[in-house]
Structures are given as C-alpha cells and as structure tokens.
C-alpha cells in the first residue's frame, strides 16, 4: 500500500490535484521498491488506479515524476529540519540535530526513506541541494571555532555518506535504535569536536518526530 502522504496533503484540493497526488504516492512506493530505472509509467498508473493517458496529463514522462517526487521528499525533510532548528545558532548542536532528524524523519515513513536514498544516488541536483544546506552549518562551525576542518567537497561527500549509511541501516532493520545518535557522534568527532562534547550533544533527548507533507511541498 502507498504511504499516501501526497494524497493527504492534497485531500482538500480539486480532483486534478488529488489525481496528481495519487500518481506521486504510487511512484514513491514503486521507486522505493524497484528503483527509478525499473519502475514503469504503466505500473505507476495502475497502482494509482488511473489510465496511462491520465498519467501523461500530469507528467511528461517517468523522469518528470521521479524528479518531482525526489524534490518533494527532500523539500519535506528540509522544511522540517529548518523548523526544528529555528533559533539554534550553535553549529555543533545544529549539525548533530540535522543528522539525527534526517535519519529519524526519513525512516519514519519507510517508502519515503528508501525513495530518498535512491534519489540522492540518482539525481545530482538533489545531492547538490543537500550539500548546499549542509555546507552553511559546517562553515558556521568553522567560524565559531567549533570545527577544525576544511570545508570542501570531500568533507561534505563523506558527511552525507555517513548520514545515508545510517538511514540505510535504520531502514534495513539491522541497526540499533540509537543509530542516528551514533552517526551524529562520529560526524562531530570527524569535525574536531571533543569526544566528551560529541557524546553529550549527540545523545541529548529530542522530541519524537514524524514526516509530514504540506500541500506546497507536493
């Protein structure tokens, strides 16, 4: 069954918007299960309960719906990260919270988490967007004297890969419950934060969260 997050966000909108949302929910499920290459327009339309022709009313091709779905997932996660970190200036706290929230949010709806992982590997533009979001906090940490590293593409790629690995482990069911905190702690240590502070910050209790989708994101 589809997660229905796009459908939920469009529930109060018109018929065309609701149909578009059903197609996107179906695409999320199929992309998460089969990957972008293996999923087909026919299967997306069938899963959404519409004719193939209806698909093409809303999307040019499979690449168009894949791109929109990927950007919407990333946008939903980024929006909630921004909301959670509003008013927090400390780069150590922000960096730890971003990683932990990313893993928790993306794994709270497994289909979305799996689709996001596949999208990050598939779409260079999406990886660049995530890198830009992360780069600002890493540079903030250097300016604050909290991080003793050079912020470049190598650092960012390694940092993102660590978070993605944590998410993969969480989705696979093989990781312990504190995998998000463990990844955040390792990242902070890599950035030059002391072992003591890295442990305290990464283990700090955070309120539970669940991924939501605003109509604007879809």
C-alpha atoms as a PDB file:
ATOM      1  CA  UNK A   1       0.000   0.000   0.000  1.00  0.00           C
ATOM      2  CA  UNK A   2       1.138   3.526  -0.749  1.00  0.00           C
ATOM      3  CA  UNK A   3       2.047   5.794   2.129  1.00  0.00           C
ATOM      4  CA  UNK A   4      -0.489   8.372   0.899  1.00  0.00           C
ATOM      5  CA  UNK A   5       1.406  11.445   2.102  1.00  0.00           C
ATOM      6  CA  UNK A   6       0.903  13.330  -1.147  1.00  0.00           C
ATOM      7  CA  UNK A   7      -2.738  12.318  -1.129  1.00  0.00           C
ATOM      8  CA  UNK A   8      -3.113  13.538   2.429  1.00  0.00           C
ATOM      9  CA  UNK A   9      -1.595  16.899   1.540  1.00  0.00           C
ATOM     10  CA  UNK A  10      -3.962  17.296  -1.417  1.00  0.00           C
ATOM     11  CA  UNK A  11      -7.106  15.971   0.262  1.00  0.00           C
ATOM     12  CA  UNK A  12      -8.782  19.397   0.362  1.00  0.00           C
ATOM     13  CA  UNK A  13      -7.782  20.332  -3.194  1.00  0.00           C
ATOM     14  CA  UNK A  14      -9.565  19.716  -6.515  1.00  0.00           C
ATOM     15  CA  UNK A  15      -9.872  16.461  -8.433  1.00  0.00           C
ATOM     16  CA  UNK A  16      -6.901  17.146 -10.707  1.00  0.00           C
ATOM     17  CA  UNK A  17      -4.607  17.851  -7.745  1.00  0.00           C
ATOM     18  CA  UNK A  18      -5.815  14.719  -5.954  1.00  0.00           C
ATOM     19  CA  UNK A  19      -5.162  12.581  -9.026  1.00  0.00           C
ATOM     20  CA  UNK A  20      -1.681  14.044  -9.380  1.00  0.00           C
ATOM     21  CA  UNK A  21      -1.043  13.287  -5.700  1.00  0.00           C
ATOM     22  CA  UNK A  22      -2.168   9.653  -6.136  1.00  0.00           C
ATOM     23  CA  UNK A  23       0.262   9.255  -9.005  1.00  0.00           C
ATOM     24  CA  UNK A  24       3.081  10.650  -6.887  1.00  0.00           C
ATOM     25  CA  UNK A  25       2.202   8.368  -3.962  1.00  0.00           C
ATOM     26  CA  UNK A  26       2.240   5.390  -6.322  1.00  0.00           C
ATOM     27  CA  UNK A  27       5.600   6.496  -7.705  1.00  0.00           C
ATOM     28  CA  UNK A  28       7.078   6.756  -4.198  1.00  0.00           C
ATOM     29  CA  UNK A  29       6.078   3.186  -3.435  1.00  0.00           C
ATOM     30  CA  UNK A  30       7.420   1.806  -6.700  1.00  0.00           C
ATOM     31  CA  UNK A  31      10.647   3.814  -6.655  1.00  0.00           C
ATOM     32  CA  UNK A  32      11.300   2.661  -3.097  1.00  0.00           C
ATOM     33  CA  UNK A  33      10.636  -0.970  -4.008  1.00  0.00           C
ATOM     34  CA  UNK A  34      12.084  -1.259  -7.508  1.00  0.00           C
ATOM     35  CA  UNK A  35      14.262   1.822  -8.062  1.00  0.00           C
ATOM     36  CA  UNK A  36      13.777   4.567 -10.625  1.00  0.00           C
ATOM     37  CA  UNK A  37      15.039   2.560 -13.594  1.00  0.00           C
ATOM     38  CA  UNK A  38      12.858  -0.496 -13.024  1.00  0.00           C
ATOM     39  CA  UNK A  39       9.603   1.350 -12.312  1.00  0.00           C
ATOM     40  CA  UNK A  40       7.377   1.979 -15.334  1.00  0.00           C
ATOM     41  CA  UNK A  41       4.708   4.522 -16.242  1.00  0.00           C
ATOM     42  CA  UNK A  42       2.241   1.650 -16.738  1.00  0.00           C
ATOM     43  CA  UNK A  43       2.813   0.347 -13.222  1.00  0.00           C
ATOM     44  CA  UNK A  44       2.636   3.818 -11.672  1.00  0.00           C
ATOM     45  CA  UNK A  45      -0.689   4.464 -13.385  1.00  0.00           C
ATOM     46  CA  UNK A  46      -2.047   1.032 -12.445  1.00  0.00           C
ATOM     47  CA  UNK A  47      -1.011   1.487  -8.812  1.00  0.00           C
ATOM     48  CA  UNK A  48      -2.693   4.900  -8.753  1.00  0.00           C
ATOM     49  CA  UNK A  49      -5.872   3.496 -10.291  1.00  0.00           C
ATOM     50  CA  UNK A  50      -5.815   5.682 -13.426  1.00  0.00           C
ATOM     51  CA  UNK A  51      -5.348   5.175 -17.167  1.00  0.00           C
ATOM     52  CA  UNK A  52      -1.945   5.678 -18.790  1.00  0.00           C
ATOM     53  CA  UNK A  53      -3.322   8.696 -20.619  1.00  0.00           C
ATOM     54  CA  UNK A  54      -4.186  10.318 -17.297  1.00  0.00           C
ATOM     55  CA  UNK A  55      -0.557   9.976 -16.237  1.00  0.00           C
ATOM     56  CA  UNK A  56       0.577  11.996 -19.243  1.00  0.00           C
ATOM     57  CA  UNK A  57      -1.941  14.737 -18.471  1.00  0.00           C
ATOM     58  CA  UNK A  58       0.037  15.393 -15.284  1.00  0.00           C
ATOM     59  CA  UNK A  59       3.620  14.392 -16.122  1.00  0.00           C
ATOM     60  CA  UNK A  60       5.675  14.463 -19.306  1.00  0.00           C
ATOM     61  CA  UNK A  61       7.374  11.121 -18.589  1.00  0.00           C
ATOM     62  CA  UNK A  62       8.787   8.937 -15.834  1.00  0.00           C
ATOM     63  CA  UNK A  63      11.775  11.228 -15.368  1.00  0.00           C
ATOM     64  CA  UNK A  64       9.469  14.171 -14.694  1.00  0.00           C
ATOM     65  CA  UNK A  65       7.526  12.431 -11.933  1.00  0.00           C
ATOM     66  CA  UNK A  66      10.728  10.961 -10.480  1.00  0.00           C
ATOM     67  CA  UNK A  67      12.300  14.414 -10.258  1.00  0.00           C
ATOM     68  CA  UNK A  68       9.209  15.961  -8.680  1.00  0.00           C
ATOM     69  CA  UNK A  69       8.836  13.167  -6.160  1.00  0.00           C
ATOM     70  CA  UNK A  70      12.518  13.349  -5.179  1.00  0.00           C
ATOM     71  CA  UNK A  71      12.445  17.122  -4.756  1.00  0.00           C
ATOM     72  CA  UNK A  72       9.235  16.936  -2.736  1.00  0.00           C
ATOM     73  CA  UNK A  73      10.662  14.327  -0.363  1.00  0.00           C
ATOM     74  CA  UNK A  74      13.843  16.329   0.121  1.00  0.00           C
ATOM     75  CA  UNK A  75      11.821  19.521   0.493  1.00  0.00           C
ATOM     76  CA  UNK A  76       9.614  17.987   3.160  1.00  0.00           C
ATOM     77  CA  UNK A  77      12.597  16.762   5.169  1.00  0.00           C
ATOM     78  CA  UNK A  78      14.478  20.067   4.770  1.00  0.00           C
ATOM     79  CA  UNK A  79      11.438  22.107   5.794  1.00  0.00           C
ATOM     80  CA  UNK A  80      11.016  20.124   8.992  1.00  0.00           C
ATOM     81  CA  UNK A  81      14.730  20.329   9.755  1.00  0.00           C
ATOM     82  CA  UNK A  82      14.566  24.105   9.382  1.00  0.00           C
ATOM     83  CA  UNK A  83      11.554  24.293  11.673  1.00  0.00           C
ATOM     84  CA  UNK A  84      13.210  22.082  14.298  1.00  0.00           C
ATOM     85  CA  UNK A  85      16.404  24.171  14.322  1.00  0.00           C
ATOM     86  CA  UNK A  86      14.830  27.620  14.271  1.00  0.00           C
ATOM     87  CA  UNK A  87      16.588  29.826  16.802  1.00  0.00           C
ATOM     88  CA  UNK A  88      19.566  27.468  17.304  1.00  0.00           C
ATOM     89  CA  UNK A  89      22.866  29.154  16.441  1.00  0.00           C
ATOM     90  CA  UNK A  90      25.397  26.667  17.868  1.00  0.00           C
ATOM     91  CA  UNK A  91      26.811  24.774  14.877  1.00  0.00           C
ATOM     92  CA  UNK A  92      27.613  21.686  16.952  1.00  0.00           C
ATOM     93  CA  UNK A  93      24.000  21.425  18.106  1.00  0.00           C
ATOM     94  CA  UNK A  94      22.672  22.178  14.608  1.00  0.00           C
ATOM     95  CA  UNK A  95      24.895  19.623  12.888  1.00  0.00           C
ATOM     96  CA  UNK A  96      24.038  16.867  15.345  1.00  0.00           C
ATOM     97  CA  UNK A  97      20.330  17.651  15.240  1.00  0.00           C
ATOM     98  CA  UNK A  98      20.276  17.779  11.428  1.00  0.00           C
ATOM     99  CA  UNK A  99      21.759  14.290  11.098  1.00  0.00           C
ATOM    100  CA  UNK A 100      19.565  12.778  13.784  1.00  0.00           C
ATOM    101  CA  UNK A 101      16.401  14.403  12.449  1.00  0.00           C
ATOM    102  CA  UNK A 102      17.257  13.439   8.864  1.00  0.00           C
ATOM    103  CA  UNK A 103      17.566   9.765   9.784  1.00  0.00           C
ATOM    104  CA  UNK A 104      14.513   9.799  12.055  1.00  0.00           C
ATOM    105  CA  UNK A 105      12.272  11.713   9.648  1.00  0.00           C
ATOM    106  CA  UNK A 106      13.250   9.757   6.546  1.00  0.00           C
ATOM    107  CA  UNK A 107      12.847   6.408   8.322  1.00  0.00           C
ATOM    108  CA  UNK A 108       9.507   7.332   9.912  1.00  0.00           C
ATOM    109  CA  UNK A 109       7.840   6.524   6.554  1.00  0.00           C
ATOM    110  CA  UNK A 110       9.981   3.691   5.105  1.00  0.00           C
ATOM    111  CA  UNK A 111       8.806   4.074   1.492  1.00  0.00           C
ATOM    112  CA  UNK A 112       9.835   7.721   1.541  1.00  0.00           C
ATOM    113  CA  UNK A 113      13.145   6.943   3.202  1.00  0.00           C
ATOM    114  CA  UNK A 114      14.010   4.313   0.609  1.00  0.00           C
ATOM    115  CA  UNK A 115      12.912   6.576  -2.235  1.00  0.00           C
ATOM    116  CA  UNK A 116      15.016   9.397  -0.820  1.00  0.00           C
ATOM    117  CA  UNK A 117      18.098   7.176  -0.633  1.00  0.00           C
ATOM    118  CA  UNK A 118      17.651   6.125  -4.257  1.00  0.00           C
ATOM    119  CA  UNK A 119      17.003   9.725  -5.296  1.00  0.00           C
ATOM    120  CA  UNK A 120      20.170  11.005  -3.632  1.00  0.00           C
ATOM    121  CA  UNK A 121      22.210   8.459  -5.592  1.00  0.00           C
ATOM    122  CA  UNK A 122      20.350   9.150  -8.847  1.00  0.00           C
ATOM    123  CA  UNK A 123      19.880  12.925  -9.022  1.00  0.00           C
ATOM    124  CA  UNK A 124      22.998  15.095  -8.941  1.00  0.00           C
ATOM    125  CA  UNK A 125      20.886  18.213  -8.475  1.00  0.00           C
ATOM    126  CA  UNK A 126      19.346  16.781  -5.326  1.00  0.00           C
ATOM    127  CA  UNK A 127      22.762  15.908  -3.896  1.00  0.00           C
ATOM    128  CA  UNK A 128      23.938  19.440  -4.658  1.00  0.00           C
ATOM    129  CA  UNK A 129      20.906  20.857  -2.844  1.00  0.00           C
ATOM    130  CA  UNK A 130      21.618  18.755   0.246  1.00  0.00           C
ATOM    131  CA  UNK A 131      25.304  19.713   0.073  1.00  0.00           C
ATOM    132  CA  UNK A 132      24.433  23.399   0.000  1.00  0.00           C
ATOM    133  CA  UNK A 133      22.166  23.037   3.021  1.00  0.00           C
ATOM    134  CA  UNK A 134      24.915  21.217   4.935  1.00  0.00           C
ATOM    135  CA  UNK A 135      27.771  23.467   3.844  1.00  0.00           C
ATOM    136  CA  UNK A 136      26.305  26.500   5.607  1.00  0.00           C
ATOM    137  CA  UNK A 137      26.284  24.763   9.007  1.00  0.00           C
ATOM    138  CA  UNK A 138      29.771  23.327   8.551  1.00  0.00           C
ATOM    139  CA  UNK A 139      31.142  26.753   7.664  1.00  0.00           C
ATOM    140  CA  UNK A 140      29.288  28.210  10.653  1.00  0.00           C
ATOM    141  CA  UNK A 141      31.073  25.687  12.869  1.00  0.00           C
ATOM    142  CA  UNK A 142      34.478  26.678  11.483  1.00  0.00           C
ATOM    143  CA  UNK A 143      33.696  30.366  12.061  1.00  0.00           C
ATOM    144  CA  UNK A 144      32.607  29.623  15.624  1.00  0.00           C
ATOM    145  CA  UNK A 145      35.843  27.716  16.255  1.00  0.00           C
ATOM    146  CA  UNK A 146      33.946  24.501  16.918  1.00  0.00           C
ATOM    147  CA  UNK A 147      35.124  22.571  13.820  1.00  0.00           C
ATOM    148  CA  UNK A 148      38.799  22.168  12.960  1.00  0.00           C
ATOM    149  CA  UNK A 149      38.384  21.025   9.363  1.00  0.00           C
ATOM    150  CA  UNK A 150      38.493  22.428   5.850  1.00  0.00           C
ATOM    151  CA  UNK A 151      35.023  22.527   4.371  1.00  0.00           C
ATOM    152  CA  UNK A 152      35.274  21.150   0.838  1.00  0.00           C
ATOM    153  CA  UNK A 153      33.513  18.646  -1.401  1.00  0.00           C
ATOM    154  CA  UNK A 154      35.408  15.690   0.058  1.00  0.00           C
ATOM    155  CA  UNK A 155      34.284  16.512   3.599  1.00  0.00           C
ATOM    156  CA  UNK A 156      30.696  17.100   2.511  1.00  0.00           C
ATOM    157  CA  UNK A 157      30.551  13.874   0.472  1.00  0.00           C
ATOM    158  CA  UNK A 158      31.866  11.828   3.406  1.00  0.00           C
ATOM    159  CA  UNK A 159      29.489  13.569   5.809  1.00  0.00           C
ATOM    160  CA  UNK A 160      26.444  12.929   3.609  1.00  0.00           C
ATOM    161  CA  UNK A 161      27.501   9.324   3.001  1.00  0.00           C
ATOM    162  CA  UNK A 162      27.626   8.715   6.755  1.00  0.00           C
ATOM    163  CA  UNK A 163      24.081  10.013   7.200  1.00  0.00           C
ATOM    164  CA  UNK A 164      22.840   7.969   4.242  1.00  0.00           C
ATOM    165  CA  UNK A 165      24.502   4.837   5.637  1.00  0.00           C
ATOM    166  CA  UNK A 166      22.778   5.446   8.969  1.00  0.00           C
ATOM    167  CA  UNK A 167      19.436   5.809   7.212  1.00  0.00           C
ATOM    168  CA  UNK A 168      20.052   2.632   5.195  1.00  0.00           C
ATOM    169  CA  UNK A 169      20.839   0.687   8.365  1.00  0.00           C
ATOM    170  CA  UNK A 170      17.736   2.046  10.077  1.00  0.00           C
ATOM    171  CA  UNK A 171      15.517   1.103   7.130  1.00  0.00           C
ATOM    172  CA  UNK A 172      17.054  -2.360   6.874  1.00  0.00           C
ATOM    173  CA  UNK A 173      16.117  -3.066  10.480  1.00  0.00           C
ATOM    174  CA  UNK A 174      19.638  -4.192  11.328  1.00  0.00           C
ATOM    175  CA  UNK A 175      20.717  -1.053  13.195  1.00  0.00           C
ATOM    176  CA  UNK A 176      20.272  -0.367  16.923  1.00  0.00           C
ATOM    177  CA  UNK A 177      17.693   2.208  17.974  1.00  0.00           C
ATOM    178  CA  UNK A 178      20.395   4.798  18.656  1.00  0.00           C
ATOM    179  CA  UNK A 179      21.973   4.617  15.186  1.00  0.00           C
ATOM    180  CA  UNK A 180      21.125   8.282  14.461  1.00  0.00           C
ATOM    181  CA  UNK A 181      22.916   9.403  17.613  1.00  0.00           C
ATOM    182  CA  UNK A 182      25.897   7.158  16.868  1.00  0.00           C
ATOM    183  CA  UNK A 183      26.271   8.593  13.367  1.00  0.00           C
ATOM    184  CA  UNK A 184      25.957  12.160  14.682  1.00  0.00           C
ATOM    185  CA  UNK A 185      28.624  11.480  17.307  1.00  0.00           C
ATOM    186  CA  UNK A 186      31.035  10.056  14.742  1.00  0.00           C
ATOM    187  CA  UNK A 187      30.456  13.045  12.471  1.00  0.00           C
ATOM    188  CA  UNK A 188      31.162  15.507  15.265  1.00  0.00           C
ATOM    189  CA  UNK A 189      34.363  13.652  16.165  1.00  0.00           C
ATOM    190  CA  UNK A 190      35.393  13.817  12.497  1.00  0.00           C
ATOM    191  CA  UNK A 191      34.816  17.580  12.541  1.00  0.00           C
ATOM    192  CA  UNK A 192      37.132  18.027  15.521  1.00  0.00           C
ATOM    193  CA  UNK A 193      34.641  18.206  18.388  1.00  0.00           C
ATOM    194  CA  UNK A 194      35.947  16.695  21.637  1.00  0.00           C
ATOM    195  CA  UNK A 195      34.800  13.146  22.450  1.00  0.00           C
ATOM    196  CA  UNK A 196      33.057  14.359  25.601  1.00  0.00           C
ATOM    197  CA  UNK A 197      31.020  17.080  23.918  1.00  0.00           C
ATOM    198  CA  UNK A 198      30.278  14.945  20.860  1.00  0.00           C
ATOM    199  CA  UNK A 199      28.828  12.264  23.119  1.00  0.00           C
ATOM    200  CA  UNK A 200      26.717  14.668  25.185  1.00  0.00           C
ATOM    201  CA  UNK A 201      25.297  16.570  22.214  1.00  0.00           C
ATOM    202  CA  UNK A 202      24.544  13.501  20.099  1.00  0.00           C
ATOM    203  CA  UNK A 203      22.797  11.729  22.974  1.00  0.00           C
ATOM    204  CA  UNK A 204      20.666  14.698  24.004  1.00  0.00           C
ATOM    205  CA  UNK A 205      16.980  13.753  24.063  1.00  0.00           C
ATOM    206  CA  UNK A 206      14.913  15.100  21.163  1.00  0.00           C
ATOM    207  CA  UNK A 207      11.106  15.023  20.901  1.00  0.00           C
ATOM    208  CA  UNK A 208       9.800  12.290  18.560  1.00  0.00           C
ATOM    209  CA  UNK A 209       9.007  13.376  15.024  1.00  0.00           C
ATOM    210  CA  UNK A 210       7.152  12.035  12.005  1.00  0.00           C
ATOM    211  CA  UNK A 211       7.442  13.116   8.396  1.00  0.00           C
ATOM    212  CA  UNK A 212       4.599  15.328   7.194  1.00  0.00           C
ATOM    213  CA  UNK A 213       3.906  16.893   3.838  1.00  0.00           C
ATOM    214  CA  UNK A 214       2.417  20.329   3.265  1.00  0.00           C
ATOM    215  CA  UNK A 215       0.447  20.867   0.047  1.00  0.00           C
ATOM    216  CA  UNK A 216       3.128  23.350  -1.061  1.00  0.00           C
ATOM    217  CA  UNK A 217       5.755  20.570  -0.979  1.00  0.00           C
ATOM    218  CA  UNK A 218       3.807  18.427  -3.402  1.00  0.00           C
END
